[in-house]
Amino acid sequence: MAAHTSFFFFIFLLTHFLFYSSPTTFASFSPNHIPPTCDDHEKSALLQFKDSFIMDDCDPKFEGWKLDGSDCCWWDGIECDGITGHVISLDLSSSCLSGSINSSSSLFQLLHLRSLNLAHNDFNHSSIPSALGHLLPNLAHLNLSYSGFSGPIPSSISNLSKLSSLDLSRNHDLLLRNPDFKTLLRKLGNLQVLHLDGVDMSSTVPDDILANSSSLLSLSLVDCNLQGEFPTPIFQLPKLEVLFLDSNPNLTGHLPDFHFSTTLRKLDG
């Protein structure tokens, strides 16, 4: 009798979970759910974006990218929303892309993107397009590291208020001027990961960083031409686990007395 009771209790719990789950979770468990196919307009935009670059066929991920009956939600590097079918993630890292991205690029027709990774490509010292901050407002993850961008980081980047991770590390002569570091932190208050290694800031670290960066888990500012005294309140950030500050010879300051309650796990400065 106890075994029967346990079995029916398990069925009750499972039914309760499926009923009250979010639509996406429920759909993934429902045997009648048919995953949506890729939007034709977004499929065409992806192909136009790919074709705007010079490639030496070193990455096989594009072999399946074809304007035929294939569903772009199944293409390598693409993730679609399980309910709407809209493209929400584009990962073309290390894809041998060579060229530049202008503000009329078909990339900016992917209005539902939440994650964009173009790291480890070669954008030939071109600028980061300002349209990123104007036309992709849903971005939560942006990685443009090691990709040959140069010049000033566009001010529109601070419009991406949903960003939780931003990595612009190790690009050629990339500058952070407008927005400056303080403005960037203030406007991107949801950041958990901020990596700007090699970006020339030529500025001090704002002393009110504690007020604007309470969500930060990882902060890497290696070789950023930081100046002045480093504010010790940064060590009081409640979630900070990783802090890298080395190769900033004009940065002064000292480490505070740490307590066992600190969240820091990696520190290099």
C-alpha atoms as a PDB file:
ATOM      1  CA  MET A   1       0.000   0.000   0.000  1.00  0.00           C
ATOM      2  CA  ALA A   2       2.872   2.368   0.834  1.00  0.00           C
ATOM      3  CA  ALA A   3       4.469   1.701  -2.544  1.00  0.00           C
ATOM      4  CA  HIS A   4       1.210   2.627  -4.346  1.00  0.00           C
ATOM      5  CA  THR A   5       0.938   5.811  -2.296  1.00  0.00           C
ATOM      6  CA  SER A   6       4.498   6.827  -3.143  1.00  0.00           C
ATOM      7  CA  PHE A   7       3.904   6.171  -6.854  1.00  0.00           C
ATOM      8  CA  PHE A   8       0.749   8.314  -7.010  1.00  0.00           C
ATOM      9  CA  PHE A   9       2.470  11.052  -5.004  1.00  0.00           C
ATOM     10  CA  PHE A  10       5.314  11.072  -7.561  1.00  0.00           C
ATOM     11  CA  ILE A  11       2.804  11.357 -10.426  1.00  0.00           C
ATOM     12  CA  PHE A  12       1.114  14.255  -8.633  1.00  0.00           C
ATOM     13  CA  LEU A  13       4.416  16.090  -8.206  1.00  0.00           C
ATOM     14  CA  LEU A  14       5.396  15.572 -11.853  1.00  0.00           C
ATOM     15  CA  THR A  15       2.015  16.800 -13.107  1.00  0.00           C
ATOM     16  CA  HIS A  16       2.182  19.819 -10.810  1.00  0.00           C
ATOM     17  CA  PHE A  17       5.684  20.678 -12.112  1.00  0.00           C
ATOM     18  CA  LEU A  18       4.679  20.438 -15.765  1.00  0.00           C
ATOM     19  CA  PHE A  19       1.517  22.472 -15.289  1.00  0.00           C
ATOM     20  CA  TYR A  20       3.152  25.328 -13.412  1.00  0.00           C
ATOM     21  CA  SER A  21       6.389  25.481 -15.344  1.00  0.00           C
ATOM     22  CA  SER A  22       7.093  28.324 -17.762  1.00  0.00           C
ATOM     23  CA  PRO A  23       5.737  27.864 -21.319  1.00  0.00           C
ATOM     24  CA  THR A  24       9.181  27.028 -22.649  1.00  0.00           C
ATOM     25  CA  THR A  25       9.763  24.358 -19.998  1.00  0.00           C
ATOM     26  CA  PHE A  26       6.289  22.920 -20.430  1.00  0.00           C
ATOM     27  CA  ALA A  27       6.659  22.780 -24.197  1.00  0.00           C
ATOM     28  CA  SER A  28       9.886  20.821 -23.906  1.00  0.00           C
ATOM     29  CA  PHE A  29       8.119  18.127 -21.875  1.00  0.00           C
ATOM     30  CA  SER A  30       4.891  18.016 -23.883  1.00  0.00           C
ATOM     31  CA  PRO A  31       4.735  15.087 -26.339  1.00  0.00           C
ATOM     32  CA  ASN A  32       2.479  17.155 -28.629  1.00  0.00           C
ATOM     33  CA  HIS A  33       4.846  20.129 -28.859  1.00  0.00           C
ATOM     34  CA  ILE A  34       6.342  20.656 -32.308  1.00  0.00           C
ATOM     35  CA  PRO A  35       9.423  22.902 -32.183  1.00  0.00           C
ATOM     36  CA  PRO A  36       8.939  25.975 -34.385  1.00  0.00           C
ATOM     37  CA  THR A  37      11.025  26.392 -37.498  1.00  0.00           C
ATOM     38  CA  CYS A  38      13.377  29.258 -38.178  1.00  0.00           C
ATOM     39  CA  ASP A  39      11.864  32.492 -39.409  1.00  0.00           C
ATOM     40  CA  ASP A  40      12.517  32.830 -43.176  1.00  0.00           C
ATOM     41  CA  HIS A  41      13.545  36.460 -42.835  1.00  0.00           C
ATOM     42  CA  GLU A  42      16.069  35.634 -40.129  1.00  0.00           C
ATOM     43  CA  LYS A  43      17.374  32.692 -42.150  1.00  0.00           C
ATOM     44  CA  SER A  44      18.025  34.994 -45.078  1.00  0.00           C
ATOM     45  CA  ALA A  45      19.689  37.538 -42.768  1.00  0.00           C
ATOM     46  CA  LEU A  46      22.062  34.875 -41.426  1.00  0.00           C
ATOM     47  CA  LEU A  47      23.108  33.852 -44.930  1.00  0.00           C
ATOM     48  CA  GLN A  48      23.649  37.468 -45.965  1.00  0.00           C
ATOM     49  CA  PHE A  49      25.774  38.026 -42.872  1.00  0.00           C
ATOM     50  CA  LYS A  50      27.919  34.980 -43.624  1.00  0.00           C
ATOM     51  CA  ASP A  51      28.345  36.002 -47.259  1.00  0.00           C
ATOM     52  CA  SER A  52      29.529  39.484 -46.265  1.00  0.00           C
ATOM     53  CA  PHE A  53      32.869  38.028 -45.137  1.00  0.00           C
ATOM     54  CA  ILE A  54      35.880  36.536 -46.823  1.00  0.00           C
ATOM     55  CA  MET A  55      36.413  33.003 -45.527  1.00  0.00           C
ATOM     56  CA  ASP A  56      39.040  30.397 -46.303  1.00  0.00           C
ATOM     57  CA  ASP A  57      36.746  27.474 -45.479  1.00  0.00           C
ATOM     58  CA  CYS A  58      38.710  26.618 -42.356  1.00  0.00           C
ATOM     59  CA  ASP A  59      35.531  26.162 -40.313  1.00  0.00           C
ATOM     60  CA  PRO A  60      33.113  23.408 -41.362  1.00  0.00           C
ATOM     61  CA  LYS A  61      30.192  24.884 -39.405  1.00  0.00           C
ATOM     62  CA  PHE A  62      28.975  26.728 -42.509  1.00  0.00           C
ATOM     63  CA  GLU A  63      28.593  23.555 -44.586  1.00  0.00           C
ATOM     64  CA  GLY A  64      25.023  23.210 -43.362  1.00  0.00           C
ATOM     65  CA  TRP A  65      24.147  26.867 -43.891  1.00  0.00           C
ATOM     66  CA  LYS A  66      22.132  26.638 -47.108  1.00  0.00           C
ATOM     67  CA  LEU A  67      19.097  28.346 -48.606  1.00  0.00           C
ATOM     68  CA  ASP A  68      17.161  25.152 -49.078  1.00  0.00           C
ATOM     69  CA  GLY A  69      14.624  23.342 -46.961  1.00  0.00           C
ATOM     70  CA  SER A  70      16.955  23.139 -43.966  1.00  0.00           C
ATOM     71  CA  ASP A  71      15.866  24.709 -40.693  1.00  0.00           C
ATOM     72  CA  CYS A  72      18.383  27.349 -39.555  1.00  0.00           C
ATOM     73  CA  CYS A  73      17.563  26.519 -35.945  1.00  0.00           C
ATOM     74  CA  TRP A  74      19.615  23.364 -36.513  1.00  0.00           C
ATOM     75  CA  TRP A  75      22.597  25.121 -38.072  1.00  0.00           C
ATOM     76  CA  ASP A  76      25.892  25.104 -36.199  1.00  0.00           C
ATOM     77  CA  GLY A  77      26.316  28.221 -34.094  1.00  0.00           C
ATOM     78  CA  ILE A  78      22.594  29.008 -33.986  1.00  0.00           C
ATOM     79  CA  GLU A  79      20.116  28.709 -31.141  1.00  0.00           C
ATOM     80  CA  CYS A  80      16.421  29.501 -31.501  1.00  0.00           C
ATOM     81  CA  ASP A  81      13.719  30.226 -28.985  1.00  0.00           C
ATOM     82  CA  GLY A  82      11.773  27.034 -28.304  1.00  0.00           C
ATOM     83  CA  ILE A  83       8.420  28.813 -28.549  1.00  0.00           C
ATOM     84  CA  THR A  84       8.770  31.507 -31.212  1.00  0.00           C
ATOM     85  CA  GLY A  85      11.542  30.098 -33.394  1.00  0.00           C
ATOM     86  CA  HIS A  86      13.385  33.424 -33.392  1.00  0.00           C
ATOM     87  CA  VAL A  87      17.180  33.275 -33.433  1.00  0.00           C
ATOM     88  CA  ILE A  88      18.346  34.150 -29.916  1.00  0.00           C
ATOM     89  CA  SER A  89      22.005  33.098 -29.993  1.00  0.00           C
ATOM     90  CA  LEU A  90      24.685  33.436 -32.656  1.00  0.00           C
ATOM     91  CA  ASP A  91      28.092  31.906 -31.932  1.00  0.00           C
ATOM     92  CA  LEU A  92      30.565  32.374 -34.772  1.00  0.00           C
ATOM     93  CA  SER A  93      33.662  32.412 -32.609  1.00  0.00           C
ATOM     94  CA  SER A  94      36.830  31.147 -34.315  1.00  0.00           C
ATOM     95  CA  SER A  95      35.025  30.944 -37.650  1.00  0.00           C
ATOM     96  CA  CYS A  96      37.736  32.498 -39.853  1.00  0.00           C
ATOM     97  CA  LEU A  97      35.593  35.550 -40.598  1.00  0.00           C
ATOM     98  CA  SER A  98      37.553  38.341 -42.257  1.00  0.00           C
ATOM     99  CA  GLY A  99      36.094  41.740 -43.074  1.00  0.00           C
ATOM    100  CA  SER A 100      34.089  44.378 -41.239  1.00  0.00           C
ATOM    101  CA  ILE A 101      30.576  44.956 -39.954  1.00  0.00           C
ATOM    102  CA  ASN A 102      28.794  48.173 -40.889  1.00  0.00           C
ATOM    103  CA  SER A 103      25.574  49.466 -39.403  1.00  0.00           C
ATOM    104  CA  SER A 104      23.527  48.258 -42.380  1.00  0.00           C
ATOM    105  CA  SER A 105      24.659  44.657 -41.866  1.00  0.00           C
ATOM    106  CA  SER A 106      21.971  41.984 -41.936  1.00  0.00           C
ATOM    107  CA  LEU A 107      23.193  41.029 -38.449  1.00  0.00           C
ATOM    108  CA  PHE A 108      20.987  43.794 -37.114  1.00  0.00           C
ATOM    109  CA  GLN A 109      17.888  42.159 -38.552  1.00  0.00           C
ATOM    110  CA  LEU A 110      18.207  39.511 -35.824  1.00  0.00           C
ATOM    111  CA  LEU A 111      16.272  41.660 -33.397  1.00  0.00           C
ATOM    112  CA  HIS A 112      15.714  38.902 -30.846  1.00  0.00           C
ATOM    113  CA  LEU A 113      19.388  38.068 -30.260  1.00  0.00           C
ATOM    114  CA  ARG A 114      20.293  37.584 -26.624  1.00  0.00           C
ATOM    115  CA  SER A 115      23.801  36.243 -27.126  1.00  0.00           C
ATOM    116  CA  LEU A 116      26.388  37.236 -29.741  1.00  0.00           C
ATOM    117  CA  ASN A 117      29.872  35.707 -29.861  1.00  0.00           C
ATOM    118  CA  LEU A 118      32.233  36.804 -32.633  1.00  0.00           C
ATOM    119  CA  ALA A 119      35.470  36.204 -30.719  1.00  0.00           C
ATOM    120  CA  HIS A 120      38.693  35.116 -32.420  1.00  0.00           C
ATOM    121  CA  ASN A 121      37.969  36.396 -35.913  1.00  0.00           C
ATOM    122  CA  ASP A 122      39.646  39.142 -37.944  1.00  0.00           C
ATOM    123  CA  PHE A 123      37.694  42.343 -38.490  1.00  0.00           C
ATOM    124  CA  ASN A 124      40.702  44.110 -39.984  1.00  0.00           C
ATOM    125  CA  HIS A 125      41.081  46.983 -37.505  1.00  0.00           C
ATOM    126  CA  SER A 126      37.539  48.169 -38.234  1.00  0.00           C
ATOM    127  CA  SER A 127      35.302  49.872 -35.671  1.00  0.00           C
ATOM    128  CA  ILE A 128      32.712  48.164 -33.525  1.00  0.00           C
ATOM    129  CA  PRO A 129      29.443  49.139 -35.245  1.00  0.00           C
ATOM    130  CA  SER A 130      27.337  51.606 -33.274  1.00  0.00           C
ATOM    131  CA  ALA A 131      24.192  49.757 -34.393  1.00  0.00           C
ATOM    132  CA  LEU A 132      24.991  47.069 -31.814  1.00  0.00           C
ATOM    133  CA  GLY A 133      23.675  49.304 -29.069  1.00  0.00           C
ATOM    134  CA  HIS A 134      20.752  50.661 -31.069  1.00  0.00           C
ATOM    135  CA  LEU A 135      19.315  47.636 -32.880  1.00  0.00           C
ATOM    136  CA  LEU A 136      20.026  44.656 -30.610  1.00  0.00           C
ATOM    137  CA  PRO A 137      18.476  45.800 -27.311  1.00  0.00           C
ATOM    138  CA  ASN A 138      17.924  42.277 -25.961  1.00  0.00           C
ATOM    139  CA  LEU A 139      21.605  41.310 -25.829  1.00  0.00           C
ATOM    140  CA  ALA A 140      22.593  39.749 -22.516  1.00  0.00           C
ATOM    141  CA  HIS A 141      25.944  38.315 -23.635  1.00  0.00           C
ATOM    142  CA  LEU A 142      28.399  40.026 -26.010  1.00  0.00           C
ATOM    143  CA  ASN A 143      31.854  38.660 -26.792  1.00  0.00           C
ATOM    144  CA  LEU A 144      34.015  40.454 -29.358  1.00  0.00           C
ATOM    145  CA  SER A 145      37.382  39.527 -27.880  1.00  0.00           C
ATOM    146  CA  TYR A 146      40.475  38.815 -29.990  1.00  0.00           C
ATOM    147  CA  SER A 147      38.754  39.972 -33.170  1.00  0.00           C
ATOM    148  CA  GLY A 148      40.798  42.866 -34.531  1.00  0.00           C
ATOM    149  CA  PHE A 149      38.445  45.719 -33.713  1.00  0.00           C
ATOM    150  CA  SER A 150      40.010  49.127 -33.142  1.00  0.00           C
ATOM    151  CA  GLY A 151      39.074  52.749 -32.485  1.00  0.00           C
ATOM    152  CA  PRO A 152      36.654  54.065 -29.853  1.00  0.00           C
ATOM    153  CA  ILE A 153      34.060  51.788 -28.317  1.00  0.00           C
ATOM    154  CA  PRO A 154      30.749  53.283 -29.514  1.00  0.00           C
ATOM    155  CA  SER A 155      28.744  55.199 -26.947  1.00  0.00           C
ATOM    156  CA  SER A 156      25.686  53.140 -27.914  1.00  0.00           C
ATOM    157  CA  ILE A 157      27.192  50.127 -26.137  1.00  0.00           C
ATOM    158  CA  SER A 158      25.962  51.650 -22.877  1.00  0.00           C
ATOM    159  CA  ASN A 159      22.377  51.291 -24.156  1.00  0.00           C
ATOM    160  CA  LEU A 160      22.572  47.522 -23.713  1.00  0.00           C
ATOM    161  CA  SER A 161      21.068  47.587 -20.240  1.00  0.00           C
ATOM    162  CA  LYS A 162      20.344  43.836 -20.236  1.00  0.00           C
ATOM    163  CA  LEU A 163      23.996  42.848 -20.626  1.00  0.00           C
ATOM    164  CA  SER A 164      25.221  40.415 -17.998  1.00  0.00           C
ATOM    165  CA  SER A 165      28.543  39.642 -19.726  1.00  0.00           C
ATOM    166  CA  LEU A 166      30.729  41.868 -21.910  1.00  0.00           C
ATOM    167  CA  ASP A 167      34.124  40.816 -23.255  1.00  0.00           C
ATOM    168  CA  LEU A 168      36.017  43.209 -25.535  1.00  0.00           C
ATOM    169  CA  SER A 169      39.469  41.989 -24.587  1.00  0.00           C
ATOM    170  CA  ARG A 170      42.583  42.024 -26.752  1.00  0.00           C
ATOM    171  CA  ASN A 171      41.478  44.015 -29.763  1.00  0.00           C
ATOM    172  CA  HIS A 172      43.843  46.306 -31.647  1.00  0.00           C
ATOM    173  CA  ASP A 173      43.978  49.835 -30.243  1.00  0.00           C
ATOM    174  CA  LEU A 174      40.464  49.747 -28.838  1.00  0.00           C
ATOM    175  CA  LEU A 175      39.678  52.860 -26.774  1.00  0.00           C
ATOM    176  CA  LEU A 176      37.158  53.515 -24.008  1.00  0.00           C
ATOM    177  CA  ARG A 177      36.510  57.258 -23.991  1.00  0.00           C
ATOM    178  CA  ASN A 178      32.816  58.016 -24.492  1.00  0.00           C
ATOM    179  CA  PRO A 179      31.343  56.343 -22.597  1.00  0.00           C
ATOM    180  CA  ASP A 180      34.124  56.464 -20.050  1.00  0.00           C
ATOM    181  CA  PHE A 181      34.576  53.671 -17.554  1.00  0.00           C
ATOM    182  CA  LYS A 182      32.367  55.288 -14.914  1.00  0.00           C
ATOM    183  CA  THR A 183      29.478  55.837 -17.349  1.00  0.00           C
ATOM    184  CA  LEU A 184      29.776  52.301 -18.677  1.00  0.00           C
ATOM    185  CA  LEU A 185      29.501  50.828 -15.190  1.00  0.00           C
ATOM    186  CA  ARG A 186      26.618  53.095 -14.249  1.00  0.00           C
ATOM    187  CA  LYS A 187      24.521  52.270 -17.297  1.00  0.00           C
ATOM    188  CA  LEU A 188      25.313  48.567 -17.408  1.00  0.00           C
ATOM    189  CA  GLY A 189      24.272  47.858 -13.853  1.00  0.00           C
ATOM    190  CA  ASN A 190      23.410  44.191 -14.502  1.00  0.00           C
ATOM    191  CA  LEU A 191      26.925  43.162 -15.549  1.00  0.00           C
ATOM    192  CA  GLN A 192      28.245  39.990 -13.955  1.00  0.00           C
ATOM    193  CA  VAL A 193      31.286  39.593 -16.214  1.00  0.00           C
ATOM    194  CA  LEU A 194      33.314  42.527 -17.579  1.00  0.00           C
ATOM    195  CA  HIS A 195      36.576  41.788 -19.397  1.00  0.00           C
ATOM    196  CA  LEU A 196      38.356  44.695 -21.074  1.00  0.00           C
ATOM    197  CA  ASP A 197      41.979  43.480 -21.183  1.00  0.00           C
ATOM    198  CA  GLY A 198      44.087  45.613 -23.485  1.00  0.00           C
ATOM    199  CA  VAL A 199      41.436  48.304 -23.942  1.00  0.00           C
ATOM    200  CA  ASP A 200      43.017  51.741 -23.482  1.00  0.00           C
ATOM    201  CA  MET A 201      40.980  53.569 -20.848  1.00  0.00           C
ATOM    202  CA  SER A 202      43.518  56.228 -19.795  1.00  0.00           C
ATOM    203  CA  SER A 203      41.363  56.892 -16.749  1.00  0.00           C
ATOM    204  CA  THR A 204      40.991  56.268 -13.066  1.00  0.00           C
ATOM    205  CA  VAL A 205      38.757  53.594 -11.605  1.00  0.00           C
ATOM    206  CA  PRO A 206      35.617  55.296 -10.226  1.00  0.00           C
ATOM    207  CA  ASP A 207      35.583  55.393  -6.446  1.00  0.00           C
ATOM    208  CA  ASP A 208      31.826  54.812  -6.353  1.00  0.00           C
ATOM    209  CA  ILE A 209      32.170  51.452  -8.112  1.00  0.00           C
ATOM    210  CA  LEU A 210      30.440  49.769  -5.177  1.00  0.00           C
ATOM    211  CA  ALA A 211      27.221  51.623  -5.945  1.00  0.00           C
ATOM    212  CA  ASN A 212      27.113  50.665  -9.622  1.00  0.00           C
ATOM    213  CA  SER A 213      28.596  47.165  -9.817  1.00  0.00           C
ATOM    214  CA  SER A 214      27.004  45.057  -7.110  1.00  0.00           C
ATOM    215  CA  SER A 215      26.318  42.212  -9.579  1.00  0.00           C
ATOM    216  CA  LEU A 216      29.933  41.778 -10.751  1.00  0.00           C
ATOM    217  CA  LEU A 217      31.385  38.279 -10.474  1.00  0.00           C
ATOM    218  CA  SER A 218      34.445  38.719 -12.701  1.00  0.00           C
ATOM    219  CA  LEU A 219      36.342  41.918 -13.565  1.00  0.00           C
ATOM    220  CA  SER A 220      39.459  41.816 -15.738  1.00  0.00           C
ATOM    221  CA  LEU A 221      41.214  45.099 -16.563  1.00  0.00           C
ATOM    222  CA  VAL A 222      44.693  43.886 -17.518  1.00  0.00           C
ATOM    223  CA  ASP A 223      46.855  46.369 -19.457  1.00  0.00           C
ATOM    224  CA  CYS A 224      44.188  49.087 -19.626  1.00  0.00           C
ATOM    225  CA  ASN A 225      46.370  52.130 -18.871  1.00  0.00           C
ATOM    226  CA  LEU A 226      44.516  52.690 -15.618  1.00  0.00           C
ATOM    227  CA  GLN A 227      45.772  55.590 -13.548  1.00  0.00           C
ATOM    228  CA  GLY A 228      45.545  57.025 -10.058  1.00  0.00           C
ATOM    229  CA  GLU A 229      44.749  55.228  -6.849  1.00  0.00           C
ATOM    230  CA  PHE A 230      42.708  52.076  -7.052  1.00  0.00           C
ATOM    231  CA  PRO A 231      39.581  52.354  -4.867  1.00  0.00           C
ATOM    232  CA  THR A 232      39.558  49.757  -2.119  1.00  0.00           C
ATOM    233  CA  PRO A 233      35.712  49.629  -2.011  1.00  0.00           C
ATOM    234  CA  ILE A 234      35.931  47.311  -5.010  1.00  0.00           C
ATOM    235  CA  PHE A 235      37.010  44.579  -2.594  1.00  0.00           C
ATOM    236  CA  GLN A 236      33.664  44.979  -0.850  1.00  0.00           C
ATOM    237  CA  LEU A 237      31.626  44.068  -3.913  1.00  0.00           C
ATOM    238  CA  PRO A 238      29.330  41.359  -2.556  1.00  0.00           C
ATOM    239  CA  LYS A 239      29.698  38.824  -5.396  1.00  0.00           C
ATOM    240  CA  LEU A 240      33.143  39.524  -6.871  1.00  0.00           C
ATOM    241  CA  GLU A 241      35.145  36.306  -7.313  1.00  0.00           C
ATOM    242  CA  VAL A 242      37.737  37.224  -9.980  1.00  0.00           C
ATOM    243  CA  LEU A 243      39.770  40.451 -10.184  1.00  0.00           C
ATOM    244  CA  PHE A 244      42.688  40.937 -12.609  1.00  0.00           C
ATOM    245  CA  LEU A 245      44.502  44.289 -12.709  1.00  0.00           C
ATOM    246  CA  ASP A 246      48.099  43.529 -13.688  1.00  0.00           C
ATOM    247  CA  SER A 247      50.138  45.467 -16.277  1.00  0.00           C
ATOM    248  CA  ASN A 248      48.786  48.870 -15.210  1.00  0.00           C
ATOM    249  CA  PRO A 249      52.038  50.581 -14.110  1.00  0.00           C
ATOM    250  CA  ASN A 250      50.354  53.932 -13.349  1.00  0.00           C
ATOM    251  CA  LEU A 251      47.831  52.395 -10.992  1.00  0.00           C
ATOM    252  CA  THR A 252      48.619  52.815  -7.301  1.00  0.00           C
ATOM    253  CA  GLY A 253      47.049  51.560  -4.113  1.00  0.00           C
ATOM    254  CA  HIS A 254      47.271  48.730  -1.629  1.00  0.00           C
ATOM    255  CA  LEU A 255      45.374  45.626  -0.715  1.00  0.00           C
ATOM    256  CA  PRO A 256      43.042  45.828   2.261  1.00  0.00           C
ATOM    257  CA  ASP A 257      43.006  43.335   5.109  1.00  0.00           C
ATOM    258  CA  PHE A 258      40.980  40.404   3.891  1.00  0.00           C
ATOM    259  CA  HIS A 259      38.584  38.432   6.017  1.00  0.00           C
ATOM    260  CA  PHE A 260      37.514  34.856   5.550  1.00  0.00           C
ATOM    261  CA  SER A 261      34.101  36.090   4.396  1.00  0.00           C
ATOM    262  CA  THR A 262      35.495  37.567   1.156  1.00  0.00           C
ATOM    263  CA  THR A 263      34.089  36.130  -2.071  1.00  0.00           C
ATOM    264  CA  LEU A 264      37.339  36.679  -4.030  1.00  0.00           C
ATOM    265  CA  ARG A 265      38.835  33.481  -5.430  1.00  0.00           C
ATOM    266  CA  LYS A 266      41.328  34.879  -7.974  1.00  0.00           C
ATOM    267  CA  LEU A 267      43.281  38.107  -7.621  1.00  0.00           C
ATOM    268  CA  ASP A 268      46.164  39.352  -9.753  1.00  0.00           C
ATOM    269  CA  GLY A 269      47.382  42.893  -9.680  1.00  0.00           C
END
